[in-house]
Amino acid sequence: EGWFTMGCDMNNHGFGDGCNDKDMPLHSVWLSSYAIDKYEVTNVEYRACVKAGACSPPRKTNSHNRNDYFKSRTYDLYPVLYVSRDNAIQYCTWAGKRLPTEAEWEKAARGPIDTRIFPWGNKFPDCTRENFTEDYYDNDLYHCVDDTTKVGSHPLGASPYGAMDMGGNVFEWVADKYDESYYG
């Protein structure tokens, strides 16, 4: 619960071409108390929801380089892939949870104190902090493992609240639907 600063801080954004219009203006937001999972939803967790009949299976069961990714016990503790926003809502409902709002997700990733760019601060990502792919700086594709990693594999990338994988690995869904003119 409490205040935090949401959006992109032009004075703090030392990478690329600055802030995107969609991340402006920087503004204060008050959030009521909420909880957020420490880890991304895993294959084994999502399979339990499918088995219970509460969730639809992912639209694909492979990952970038792995066949049978979703069903293989080898990848039980890896994040589930290829679930839609509706699938994510099904899972949350089944698990007695809900998707976070964009503001809740951003505060859990950034923390309440500063306008850091990444969950760990302002240092550019590397493979000790997150699993990511980058082609911005030299137009050559750079990647850590070229696929997903086990959830929580990058403790140096934890947010100030201890949430893991808030940057990298897979995309996360939020409750809000994107509206380019929202802040207008």
N, C-alpha and C. Protein backbone atom coordinates (compact mmCIF):
# COMPACT_ATOMS: atom_id res chain seq x y z
N GLU A 1 0.84 -1.18 0.00
CA GLU A 1 0.00 0.00 0.00
C GLU A 1 0.88 1.24 0.00
N GLY A 2 0.45 2.25 -0.74
CA GLY A 2 1.17 3.51 -0.68
C GLY A 2 1.42 4.12 -2.05
N TRP A 3 2.18 5.21 -2.01
CA TRP A 3 2.49 5.97 -3.21
C TRP A 3 3.69 5.38 -3.93
N PHE A 4 3.73 5.57 -5.23
CA PHE A 4 4.93 5.34 -6.01
C PHE A 4 4.83 6.20 -7.26
N THR A 5 5.97 6.39 -7.93
CA THR A 5 6.01 7.19 -9.14
C THR A 5 5.97 6.26 -10.34
N MET A 6 4.95 6.44 -11.18
CA MET A 6 4.71 5.56 -12.33
C MET A 6 5.06 6.29 -13.62
N GLY A 7 5.60 5.55 -14.56
CA GLY A 7 5.92 6.11 -15.87
C GLY A 7 7.42 6.20 -16.07
N CYS A 8 7.80 6.81 -17.14
CA CYS A 8 9.22 6.92 -17.51
C CYS A 8 9.76 8.28 -17.07
N ASP A 9 10.89 8.25 -16.40
CA ASP A 9 11.56 9.46 -15.91
C ASP A 9 12.65 9.85 -16.91
N MET A 10 12.44 10.92 -17.67
CA MET A 10 13.40 11.37 -18.67
C MET A 10 14.77 11.65 -18.06
N ASN A 11 14.81 12.05 -16.79
CA ASN A 11 16.08 12.36 -16.12
C ASN A 11 16.82 11.09 -15.70
N ASN A 12 16.17 9.97 -15.80
CA ASN A 12 16.73 8.73 -15.28
C ASN A 12 16.85 7.67 -16.37
N HIS A 13 16.50 7.99 -17.58
CA HIS A 13 16.40 6.98 -18.63
C HIS A 13 17.59 7.07 -19.57
N GLY A 14 18.72 6.52 -19.18
CA GLY A 14 19.96 6.68 -19.92
C GLY A 14 20.14 5.76 -21.10
N PHE A 15 19.11 5.03 -21.53
CA PHE A 15 19.26 4.09 -22.64
C PHE A 15 18.38 4.49 -23.80
N GLY A 16 18.82 4.18 -24.99
CA GLY A 16 18.00 4.39 -26.17
C GLY A 16 17.71 5.85 -26.44
N ASP A 17 16.53 6.11 -26.93
CA ASP A 17 16.14 7.45 -27.34
C ASP A 17 15.29 8.16 -26.29
N GLY A 18 15.32 7.70 -25.07
CA GLY A 18 14.53 8.32 -24.03
C GLY A 18 13.22 7.59 -23.83
N CYS A 19 12.23 8.30 -23.34
CA CYS A 19 10.95 7.69 -22.99
C CYS A 19 10.02 7.64 -24.19
N ASN A 20 9.19 6.63 -24.22
CA ASN A 20 8.12 6.55 -25.21
C ASN A 20 6.94 7.38 -24.73
N ASP A 21 6.22 7.96 -25.65
CA ASP A 21 5.05 8.76 -25.29
C ASP A 21 4.06 7.95 -24.46
N LYS A 22 3.94 6.65 -24.74
CA LYS A 22 2.97 5.82 -24.02
C LYS A 22 3.33 5.66 -22.54
N ASP A 23 4.59 5.95 -22.18
CA ASP A 23 5.02 5.83 -20.79
C ASP A 23 5.06 7.17 -20.06
N MET A 24 4.49 8.18 -20.66
CA MET A 24 4.48 9.52 -20.09
C MET A 24 3.04 9.94 -19.81
N PRO A 25 2.79 10.85 -18.90
CA PRO A 25 3.76 11.56 -18.09
C PRO A 25 4.13 10.76 -16.84
N LEU A 26 5.25 11.09 -16.26
CA LEU A 26 5.64 10.56 -14.97
C LEU A 26 4.66 11.12 -13.95
N HIS A 27 4.07 10.28 -13.12
CA HIS A 27 3.04 10.76 -12.19
C HIS A 27 2.99 9.88 -10.94
N SER A 28 2.49 10.44 -9.86
CA SER A 28 2.35 9.71 -8.60
C SER A 28 1.04 8.94 -8.59
N VAL A 29 1.10 7.72 -8.07
CA VAL A 29 -0.06 6.85 -7.99
C VAL A 29 -0.14 6.27 -6.59
N TRP A 30 -1.33 6.30 -6.00
CA TRP A 30 -1.58 5.64 -4.71
C TRP A 30 -2.21 4.28 -4.99
N LEU A 31 -1.67 3.26 -4.37
CA LEU A 31 -2.23 1.92 -4.51
C LEU A 31 -2.65 1.39 -3.15
N SER A 32 -3.83 0.82 -3.10
CA SER A 32 -4.27 0.13 -1.89
C SER A 32 -3.45 -1.15 -1.74
N SER A 33 -3.51 -1.75 -0.60
CA SER A 33 -2.76 -2.96 -0.31
C SER A 33 -3.14 -4.08 -1.28
N TYR A 34 -2.14 -4.81 -1.76
CA TYR A 34 -2.36 -5.94 -2.66
C TYR A 34 -1.21 -6.91 -2.51
N ALA A 35 -1.37 -8.09 -3.06
CA ALA A 35 -0.30 -9.09 -3.07
C ALA A 35 -0.03 -9.47 -4.52
N ILE A 36 1.21 -9.86 -4.78
CA ILE A 36 1.59 -10.33 -6.12
C ILE A 36 2.48 -11.55 -5.93
N ASP A 37 2.33 -12.53 -6.80
CA ASP A 37 3.15 -13.73 -6.70
C ASP A 37 4.63 -13.38 -6.87
N LYS A 38 5.48 -14.11 -6.17
CA LYS A 38 6.92 -13.91 -6.27
C LYS A 38 7.45 -14.41 -7.61
N TYR A 39 6.84 -15.47 -8.14
CA TYR A 39 7.32 -16.11 -9.37
C TYR A 39 6.24 -16.12 -10.45
N GLU A 40 6.68 -16.25 -11.69
CA GLU A 40 5.76 -16.44 -12.82
C GLU A 40 5.04 -17.77 -12.65
N VAL A 41 3.86 -17.89 -13.25
CA VAL A 41 3.11 -19.15 -13.20
C VAL A 41 3.90 -20.20 -13.99
N THR A 42 4.09 -21.35 -13.36
CA THR A 42 4.89 -22.41 -13.98
C THR A 42 4.02 -23.37 -14.78
N ASN A 43 4.70 -24.17 -15.58
CA ASN A 43 4.00 -25.21 -16.35
C ASN A 43 3.24 -26.15 -15.43
N VAL A 44 3.85 -26.60 -14.34
CA VAL A 44 3.19 -27.55 -13.45
C VAL A 44 1.95 -26.92 -12.81
N GLU A 45 2.02 -25.65 -12.46
CA GLU A 45 0.85 -24.97 -11.88
C GLU A 45 -0.26 -24.85 -12.92
N TYR A 46 0.11 -24.44 -14.12
CA TYR A 46 -0.92 -24.27 -15.14
C TYR A 46 -1.49 -25.61 -15.59
N ARG A 47 -0.67 -26.65 -15.64
CA ARG A 47 -1.18 -27.99 -15.99
C ARG A 47 -2.23 -28.45 -14.98
N ALA A 48 -2.04 -28.12 -13.70
CA ALA A 48 -3.03 -28.49 -12.67
C ALA A 48 -4.37 -27.83 -12.96
N CYS A 49 -4.34 -26.59 -13.40
CA CYS A 49 -5.57 -25.87 -13.74
C CYS A 49 -6.24 -26.50 -14.96
N VAL A 50 -5.45 -26.88 -15.96
CA VAL A 50 -5.99 -27.56 -17.14
C VAL A 50 -6.61 -28.90 -16.73
N LYS A 51 -5.88 -29.64 -15.90
CA LYS A 51 -6.37 -30.95 -15.44
C LYS A 51 -7.68 -30.81 -14.66
N ALA A 52 -7.82 -29.73 -13.91
CA ALA A 52 -9.04 -29.48 -13.14
C ALA A 52 -10.20 -29.04 -14.02
N GLY A 53 -9.92 -28.75 -15.28
CA GLY A 53 -10.96 -28.31 -16.21
C GLY A 53 -11.28 -26.83 -16.12
N ALA A 54 -10.47 -26.08 -15.39
CA ALA A 54 -10.73 -24.65 -15.21
C ALA A 54 -9.97 -23.78 -16.21
N CYS A 55 -8.96 -24.33 -16.85
CA CYS A 55 -8.15 -23.56 -17.80
C CYS A 55 -8.09 -24.28 -19.14
N SER A 56 -8.06 -23.51 -20.19
CA SER A 56 -7.82 -24.06 -21.52
C SER A 56 -6.33 -24.31 -21.66
N PRO A 57 -5.93 -25.34 -22.41
CA PRO A 57 -4.49 -25.57 -22.62
C PRO A 57 -3.87 -24.40 -23.38
N PRO A 58 -2.55 -24.22 -23.25
CA PRO A 58 -1.88 -23.19 -24.05
C PRO A 58 -2.08 -23.48 -25.54
N ARG A 59 -2.02 -22.45 -26.37
CA ARG A 59 -2.26 -22.65 -27.80
C ARG A 59 -1.13 -23.42 -28.47
N LYS A 60 0.05 -23.45 -27.87
CA LYS A 60 1.18 -24.26 -28.33
C LYS A 60 1.80 -24.92 -27.11
N THR A 61 2.41 -26.08 -27.29
CA THR A 61 3.02 -26.77 -26.14
C THR A 61 4.54 -26.81 -26.23
N ASN A 62 5.11 -26.17 -27.24
CA ASN A 62 6.56 -26.11 -27.36
C ASN A 62 7.06 -24.77 -26.84
N SER A 63 8.39 -24.63 -26.75
CA SER A 63 8.99 -23.33 -26.50
C SER A 63 9.85 -23.02 -27.73
N HIS A 64 10.67 -22.01 -27.64
CA HIS A 64 11.46 -21.60 -28.81
C HIS A 64 12.31 -22.75 -29.36
N ASN A 65 12.97 -23.47 -28.49
CA ASN A 65 13.87 -24.55 -28.91
C ASN A 65 13.53 -25.91 -28.32
N ARG A 66 12.41 -26.02 -27.63
CA ARG A 66 12.10 -27.27 -26.94
C ARG A 66 10.74 -27.80 -27.37
N ASN A 67 10.71 -29.03 -27.85
CA ASN A 67 9.44 -29.69 -28.15
C ASN A 67 8.85 -30.20 -26.85
N ASP A 68 7.54 -30.27 -26.79
CA ASP A 68 6.83 -30.82 -25.62
C ASP A 68 7.19 -30.07 -24.33
N TYR A 69 7.48 -28.81 -24.43
CA TYR A 69 7.87 -27.97 -23.29
C TYR A 69 6.81 -27.96 -22.19
N PHE A 70 5.56 -27.76 -22.56
CA PHE A 70 4.49 -27.62 -21.57
C PHE A 70 4.24 -28.93 -20.81
N LYS A 71 4.30 -30.04 -21.49
CA LYS A 71 3.94 -31.32 -20.87
C LYS A 71 5.11 -32.04 -20.19
N SER A 72 6.32 -31.69 -20.51
CA SER A 72 7.49 -32.39 -19.99
C SER A 72 7.77 -32.00 -18.54
N ARG A 73 7.94 -32.99 -17.69
CA ARG A 73 8.27 -32.73 -16.28
C ARG A 73 9.61 -32.01 -16.12
N THR A 74 10.47 -32.15 -17.12
CA THR A 74 11.76 -31.46 -17.10
C THR A 74 11.56 -29.95 -16.95
N TYR A 75 10.46 -29.44 -17.48
CA TYR A 75 10.20 -28.00 -17.47
C TYR A 75 9.05 -27.62 -16.53
N ASP A 76 8.80 -28.44 -15.52
CA ASP A 76 7.75 -28.16 -14.55
C ASP A 76 7.87 -26.76 -13.94
N LEU A 77 9.08 -26.37 -13.58
CA LEU A 77 9.29 -25.11 -12.86
C LEU A 77 9.73 -23.96 -13.78
N TYR A 78 9.40 -24.10 -15.05
CA TYR A 78 9.63 -23.05 -16.04
C TYR A 78 8.30 -22.33 -16.29
N PRO A 79 8.33 -21.08 -16.73
CA PRO A 79 7.08 -20.34 -16.93
C PRO A 79 6.25 -20.90 -18.08
N VAL A 80 4.95 -20.91 -17.87
CA VAL A 80 4.04 -21.35 -18.92
C VAL A 80 4.08 -20.34 -20.07
N LEU A 81 3.98 -20.84 -21.28
CA LEU A 81 3.99 -20.01 -22.49
C LEU A 81 2.69 -20.16 -23.25
N TYR A 82 2.45 -19.25 -24.17
CA TYR A 82 1.34 -19.31 -25.12
C TYR A 82 -0.03 -19.37 -24.44
N VAL A 83 -0.17 -18.61 -23.35
CA VAL A 83 -1.49 -18.46 -22.75
C VAL A 83 -1.99 -17.05 -23.08
N SER A 84 -3.25 -16.96 -23.41
CA SER A 84 -3.86 -15.68 -23.73
C SER A 84 -4.19 -14.94 -22.43
N ARG A 85 -4.61 -13.72 -22.57
CA ARG A 85 -5.05 -12.96 -21.40
C ARG A 85 -6.25 -13.66 -20.77
N ASP A 86 -7.18 -14.17 -21.59
CA ASP A 86 -8.32 -14.92 -21.05
C ASP A 86 -7.86 -16.16 -20.31
N ASN A 87 -6.85 -16.88 -20.83
CA ASN A 87 -6.30 -18.03 -20.13
C ASN A 87 -5.72 -17.61 -18.78
N ALA A 88 -5.02 -16.48 -18.76
CA ALA A 88 -4.43 -15.99 -17.51
C ALA A 88 -5.52 -15.66 -16.49
N ILE A 89 -6.62 -15.08 -16.95
CA ILE A 89 -7.74 -14.78 -16.05
C ILE A 89 -8.37 -16.07 -15.54
N GLN A 90 -8.51 -17.08 -16.42
CA GLN A 90 -9.02 -18.39 -15.99
C GLN A 90 -8.14 -18.96 -14.87
N TYR A 91 -6.83 -18.91 -15.07
CA TYR A 91 -5.91 -19.44 -14.07
C TYR A 91 -6.06 -18.69 -12.75
N CYS A 92 -6.06 -17.37 -12.82
CA CYS A 92 -6.17 -16.57 -11.60
C CYS A 92 -7.46 -16.88 -10.84
N THR A 93 -8.56 -16.97 -11.56
CA THR A 93 -9.84 -17.28 -10.94
C THR A 93 -9.78 -18.64 -10.25
N TRP A 94 -9.24 -19.64 -10.94
CA TRP A 94 -9.11 -20.98 -10.38
C TRP A 94 -8.23 -20.98 -9.14
N ALA A 95 -7.15 -20.19 -9.16
CA ALA A 95 -6.19 -20.14 -8.05
C ALA A 95 -6.63 -19.18 -6.94
N GLY A 96 -7.79 -18.52 -7.09
CA GLY A 96 -8.25 -17.58 -6.07
C GLY A 96 -7.47 -16.27 -6.08
N LYS A 97 -7.00 -15.90 -7.25
CA LYS A 97 -6.20 -14.68 -7.40
C LYS A 97 -6.79 -13.82 -8.50
N ARG A 98 -6.07 -12.77 -8.89
CA ARG A 98 -6.46 -11.93 -10.01
C ARG A 98 -5.20 -11.39 -10.66
N LEU A 99 -5.34 -10.93 -11.89
CA LEU A 99 -4.22 -10.26 -12.54
C LEU A 99 -3.97 -8.93 -11.86
N PRO A 100 -2.71 -8.51 -11.74
CA PRO A 100 -2.46 -7.17 -11.18
C PRO A 100 -2.80 -6.11 -12.22
N THR A 101 -3.08 -4.92 -11.77
CA THR A 101 -3.22 -3.80 -12.69
C THR A 101 -1.83 -3.44 -13.19
N GLU A 102 -1.78 -2.63 -14.24
CA GLU A 102 -0.48 -2.17 -14.74
C GLU A 102 0.28 -1.43 -13.64
N ALA A 103 -0.42 -0.59 -12.88
CA ALA A 103 0.24 0.17 -11.81
C ALA A 103 0.76 -0.77 -10.72
N GLU A 104 -0.03 -1.77 -10.35
CA GLU A 104 0.42 -2.73 -9.34
C GLU A 104 1.65 -3.50 -9.82
N TRP A 105 1.63 -3.93 -11.08
CA TRP A 105 2.76 -4.65 -11.64
C TRP A 105 4.00 -3.75 -11.63
N GLU A 106 3.84 -2.50 -12.08
CA GLU A 106 4.99 -1.60 -12.14
C GLU A 106 5.56 -1.31 -10.77
N LYS A 107 4.70 -1.12 -9.77
CA LYS A 107 5.22 -0.87 -8.42
C LYS A 107 5.93 -2.10 -7.88
N ALA A 108 5.38 -3.29 -8.12
CA ALA A 108 6.03 -4.52 -7.66
C ALA A 108 7.39 -4.69 -8.34
N ALA A 109 7.51 -4.24 -9.58
CA ALA A 109 8.78 -4.34 -10.31
C ALA A 109 9.76 -3.25 -9.91
N ARG A 110 9.27 -2.05 -9.70
CA ARG A 110 10.13 -0.88 -9.48
C ARG A 110 10.37 -0.57 -8.01
N GLY A 111 9.38 -0.81 -7.19
CA GLY A 111 9.49 -0.43 -5.79
C GLY A 111 8.93 0.96 -5.55
N PRO A 112 8.89 1.40 -4.29
CA PRO A 112 8.26 2.67 -3.95
C PRO A 112 9.19 3.87 -3.87
N ILE A 113 10.50 3.67 -3.96
CA ILE A 113 11.45 4.71 -3.60
C ILE A 113 11.88 5.60 -4.76
N ASP A 114 12.19 4.99 -5.92
CA ASP A 114 12.80 5.74 -7.01
C ASP A 114 12.14 5.41 -8.35
N THR A 115 12.67 5.96 -9.41
CA THR A 115 12.11 5.71 -10.75
C THR A 115 13.07 4.84 -11.56
N ARG A 116 13.60 3.83 -10.91
CA ARG A 116 14.54 2.92 -11.57
C ARG A 116 13.96 2.39 -12.87
N ILE A 117 14.85 2.09 -13.81
CA ILE A 117 14.43 1.60 -15.11
C ILE A 117 14.12 0.11 -15.06
N PHE A 118 14.92 -0.63 -14.30
CA PHE A 118 14.78 -2.08 -14.21
C PHE A 118 14.51 -2.48 -12.76
N PRO A 119 14.01 -3.66 -12.51
CA PRO A 119 13.74 -4.07 -11.12
C PRO A 119 14.97 -3.96 -10.21
N TRP A 120 16.17 -4.20 -10.72
CA TRP A 120 17.40 -4.17 -9.93
C TRP A 120 18.02 -2.79 -9.87
N GLY A 121 17.55 -1.84 -10.64
CA GLY A 121 18.14 -0.50 -10.66
C GLY A 121 18.29 0.02 -12.07
N ASN A 122 19.38 0.73 -12.34
CA ASN A 122 19.56 1.36 -13.64
C ASN A 122 20.68 0.76 -14.48
N LYS A 123 21.33 -0.28 -13.99
CA LYS A 123 22.36 -0.94 -14.80
C LYS A 123 21.69 -1.70 -15.93
N PHE A 124 22.30 -1.60 -17.14
CA PHE A 124 21.75 -2.28 -18.30
C PHE A 124 21.69 -3.78 -18.04
N PRO A 125 20.66 -4.46 -18.57
CA PRO A 125 20.52 -5.90 -18.32
C PRO A 125 21.74 -6.71 -18.77
N ASP A 126 21.99 -7.76 -18.03
CA ASP A 126 22.94 -8.77 -18.47
C ASP A 126 22.38 -10.11 -18.00
N CYS A 127 23.01 -11.17 -18.37
CA CYS A 127 22.47 -12.52 -18.12
C CYS A 127 22.53 -12.93 -16.65
N THR A 128 23.16 -12.11 -15.78
CA THR A 128 23.11 -12.41 -14.35
C THR A 128 21.83 -11.88 -13.71
N ARG A 129 21.18 -10.92 -14.38
CA ARG A 129 19.99 -10.27 -13.82
C ARG A 129 18.68 -10.72 -14.45
N GLU A 130 18.73 -11.12 -15.72
CA GLU A 130 17.51 -11.55 -16.39
C GLU A 130 17.84 -12.38 -17.62
N ASN A 131 16.87 -13.13 -18.06
CA ASN A 131 16.97 -13.88 -19.31
C ASN A 131 16.34 -13.01 -20.38
N PHE A 132 17.14 -12.55 -21.33
CA PHE A 132 16.61 -11.62 -22.31
C PHE A 132 17.29 -11.78 -23.66
N THR A 133 16.70 -11.16 -24.66
CA THR A 133 17.26 -11.08 -25.99
C THR A 133 17.35 -9.60 -26.34
N GLU A 134 18.45 -9.19 -26.91
CA GLU A 134 18.66 -7.77 -27.21
C GLU A 134 19.30 -7.63 -28.59
N ASP A 135 18.78 -6.71 -29.39
CA ASP A 135 19.40 -6.39 -30.67
C ASP A 135 19.46 -4.88 -30.89
N TYR A 136 19.30 -4.11 -29.83
CA TYR A 136 19.20 -2.66 -29.95
C TYR A 136 20.53 -2.00 -30.32
N TYR A 137 21.61 -2.38 -29.63
CA TYR A 137 22.83 -1.61 -29.74
C TYR A 137 23.68 -1.91 -30.97
N ASP A 138 23.79 -3.18 -31.33
CA ASP A 138 24.67 -3.48 -32.46
C ASP A 138 23.94 -4.21 -33.59
N ASN A 139 22.64 -4.30 -33.47
CA ASN A 139 21.80 -4.98 -34.45
C ASN A 139 22.15 -6.45 -34.64
N ASP A 140 23.01 -6.99 -33.79
CA ASP A 140 23.26 -8.42 -33.75
C ASP A 140 22.42 -8.98 -32.61
N LEU A 141 21.81 -10.08 -32.85
CA LEU A 141 20.96 -10.68 -31.83
C LEU A 141 21.82 -11.23 -30.71
N TYR A 142 21.59 -10.77 -29.50
CA TYR A 142 22.28 -11.24 -28.31
C TYR A 142 21.24 -11.87 -27.40
N HIS A 143 21.51 -13.02 -26.91
CA HIS A 143 20.57 -13.66 -25.99
C HIS A 143 21.32 -14.45 -24.94
N CYS A 144 20.63 -14.66 -23.82
CA CYS A 144 21.25 -15.39 -22.71
C CYS A 144 21.20 -16.90 -22.97
N VAL A 145 20.01 -17.45 -23.15
CA VAL A 145 19.91 -18.90 -23.37
C VAL A 145 19.07 -19.23 -24.60
N ASP A 146 18.51 -18.24 -25.26
CA ASP A 146 17.68 -18.43 -26.45
C ASP A 146 16.45 -19.27 -26.16
N ASP A 147 15.96 -19.21 -24.94
CA ASP A 147 14.73 -19.89 -24.54
C ASP A 147 14.41 -19.45 -23.11
N THR A 148 13.41 -20.05 -22.51
CA THR A 148 13.05 -19.70 -21.14
C THR A 148 14.04 -20.32 -20.15
N THR A 149 14.04 -19.77 -18.94
CA THR A 149 14.81 -20.35 -17.84
C THR A 149 13.85 -20.65 -16.69
N LYS A 150 14.28 -21.50 -15.79
CA LYS A 150 13.50 -21.85 -14.60
C LYS A 150 13.15 -20.55 -13.85
N VAL A 151 11.93 -20.46 -13.34
CA VAL A 151 11.53 -19.25 -12.63
C VAL A 151 12.46 -19.02 -11.43
N GLY A 152 12.79 -17.77 -11.19
CA GLY A 152 13.65 -17.42 -10.06
C GLY A 152 15.13 -17.68 -10.28
N SER A 153 15.53 -17.94 -11.51
CA SER A 153 16.94 -18.27 -11.80
C SER A 153 17.88 -17.07 -11.75
N HIS A 154 17.34 -15.87 -11.63
CA HIS A 154 18.18 -14.66 -11.66
C HIS A 154 17.94 -13.81 -10.41
N PRO A 155 18.41 -14.27 -9.24
CA PRO A 155 18.14 -13.52 -8.00
C PRO A 155 18.72 -12.10 -8.00
N LEU A 156 19.76 -11.85 -8.79
CA LEU A 156 20.30 -10.48 -8.85
C LEU A 156 19.33 -9.53 -9.55
N GLY A 157 18.34 -10.08 -10.24
CA GLY A 157 17.34 -9.26 -10.93
C GLY A 157 16.07 -9.06 -10.14
N ALA A 158 16.05 -9.48 -8.88
CA ALA A 158 14.84 -9.33 -8.05
C ALA A 158 14.46 -7.87 -7.88
N SER A 159 13.16 -7.63 -7.77
CA SER A 159 12.68 -6.28 -7.52
C SER A 159 12.92 -5.92 -6.05
N PRO A 160 12.74 -4.65 -5.68
CA PRO A 160 12.89 -4.27 -4.27
C PRO A 160 11.97 -5.06 -3.33
N TYR A 161 10.86 -5.58 -3.85
CA TYR A 161 9.94 -6.37 -3.03
C TYR A 161 10.25 -7.87 -3.09
N GLY A 162 11.26 -8.25 -3.86
CA GLY A 162 11.63 -9.66 -3.97
C GLY A 162 10.91 -10.41 -5.07
N ALA A 163 10.13 -9.71 -5.90
CA ALA A 163 9.47 -10.36 -7.03
C ALA A 163 10.52 -10.71 -8.08
N MET A 164 10.40 -11.90 -8.63
CA MET A 164 11.40 -12.42 -9.56
C MET A 164 10.92 -12.35 -11.01
N ASP A 165 11.87 -12.25 -11.91
CA ASP A 165 11.61 -12.31 -13.35
C ASP A 165 10.65 -11.22 -13.83
N MET A 166 10.67 -10.07 -13.19
CA MET A 166 9.82 -8.95 -13.62
C MET A 166 10.39 -8.32 -14.90
N GLY A 167 11.63 -8.59 -15.18
CA GLY A 167 12.25 -8.21 -16.44
C GLY A 167 12.78 -9.48 -17.08
N GLY A 168 12.45 -9.73 -18.31
CA GLY A 168 12.97 -10.89 -19.01
C GLY A 168 12.18 -12.16 -18.80
N ASN A 169 12.66 -13.22 -19.39
CA ASN A 169 12.10 -14.57 -19.39
C ASN A 169 10.85 -14.67 -20.25
N VAL A 170 9.70 -14.21 -19.77
CA VAL A 170 8.47 -14.20 -20.56
C VAL A 170 7.69 -12.92 -20.27
N PHE A 171 6.73 -12.63 -21.12
CA PHE A 171 5.85 -11.48 -20.90
C PHE A 171 4.81 -11.84 -19.84
N GLU A 172 4.32 -10.82 -19.14
CA GLU A 172 3.27 -11.02 -18.15
C GLU A 172 2.02 -10.26 -18.58
N TRP A 173 0.87 -10.78 -18.19
CA TRP A 173 -0.41 -10.13 -18.44
C TRP A 173 -0.78 -9.25 -17.25
N VAL A 174 -1.50 -8.16 -17.52
CA VAL A 174 -2.07 -7.33 -16.46
C VAL A 174 -3.56 -7.18 -16.71
N ALA A 175 -4.26 -6.70 -15.71
CA ALA A 175 -5.72 -6.60 -15.78
C ALA A 175 -6.18 -5.50 -16.74
N ASP A 176 -5.44 -4.40 -16.80
CA ASP A 176 -5.84 -3.28 -17.64
C ASP A 176 -5.69 -3.62 -19.12
N LYS A 177 -6.52 -3.01 -19.92
CA LYS A 177 -6.34 -3.09 -21.36
C LYS A 177 -5.68 -1.81 -21.81
N TYR A 178 -4.70 -1.92 -22.71
CA TYR A 178 -3.93 -0.78 -23.14
C TYR A 178 -4.82 0.24 -23.85
N ASP A 179 -4.65 1.49 -23.47
CA ASP A 179 -5.37 2.59 -24.11
C ASP A 179 -4.36 3.72 -24.29
N GLU A 180 -3.97 3.97 -25.52
CA GLU A 180 -2.95 4.97 -25.82
C GLU A 180 -3.29 6.35 -25.28
N SER A 181 -4.56 6.67 -25.16
CA SER A 181 -4.97 8.01 -24.70
C SER A 181 -5.36 8.04 -23.21
N TYR A 182 -5.05 6.97 -22.47
CA TYR A 182 -5.47 6.88 -21.08
C TYR A 182 -5.05 8.09 -20.25
N TYR A 183 -3.78 8.49 -20.36
CA TYR A 183 -3.30 9.59 -19.54
C TYR A 183 -3.75 10.95 -20.05
N GLY A 184 -4.25 11.00 -21.27
CA GLY A 184 -4.75 12.26 -21.81
C GLY A 184 -6.01 12.70 -21.09
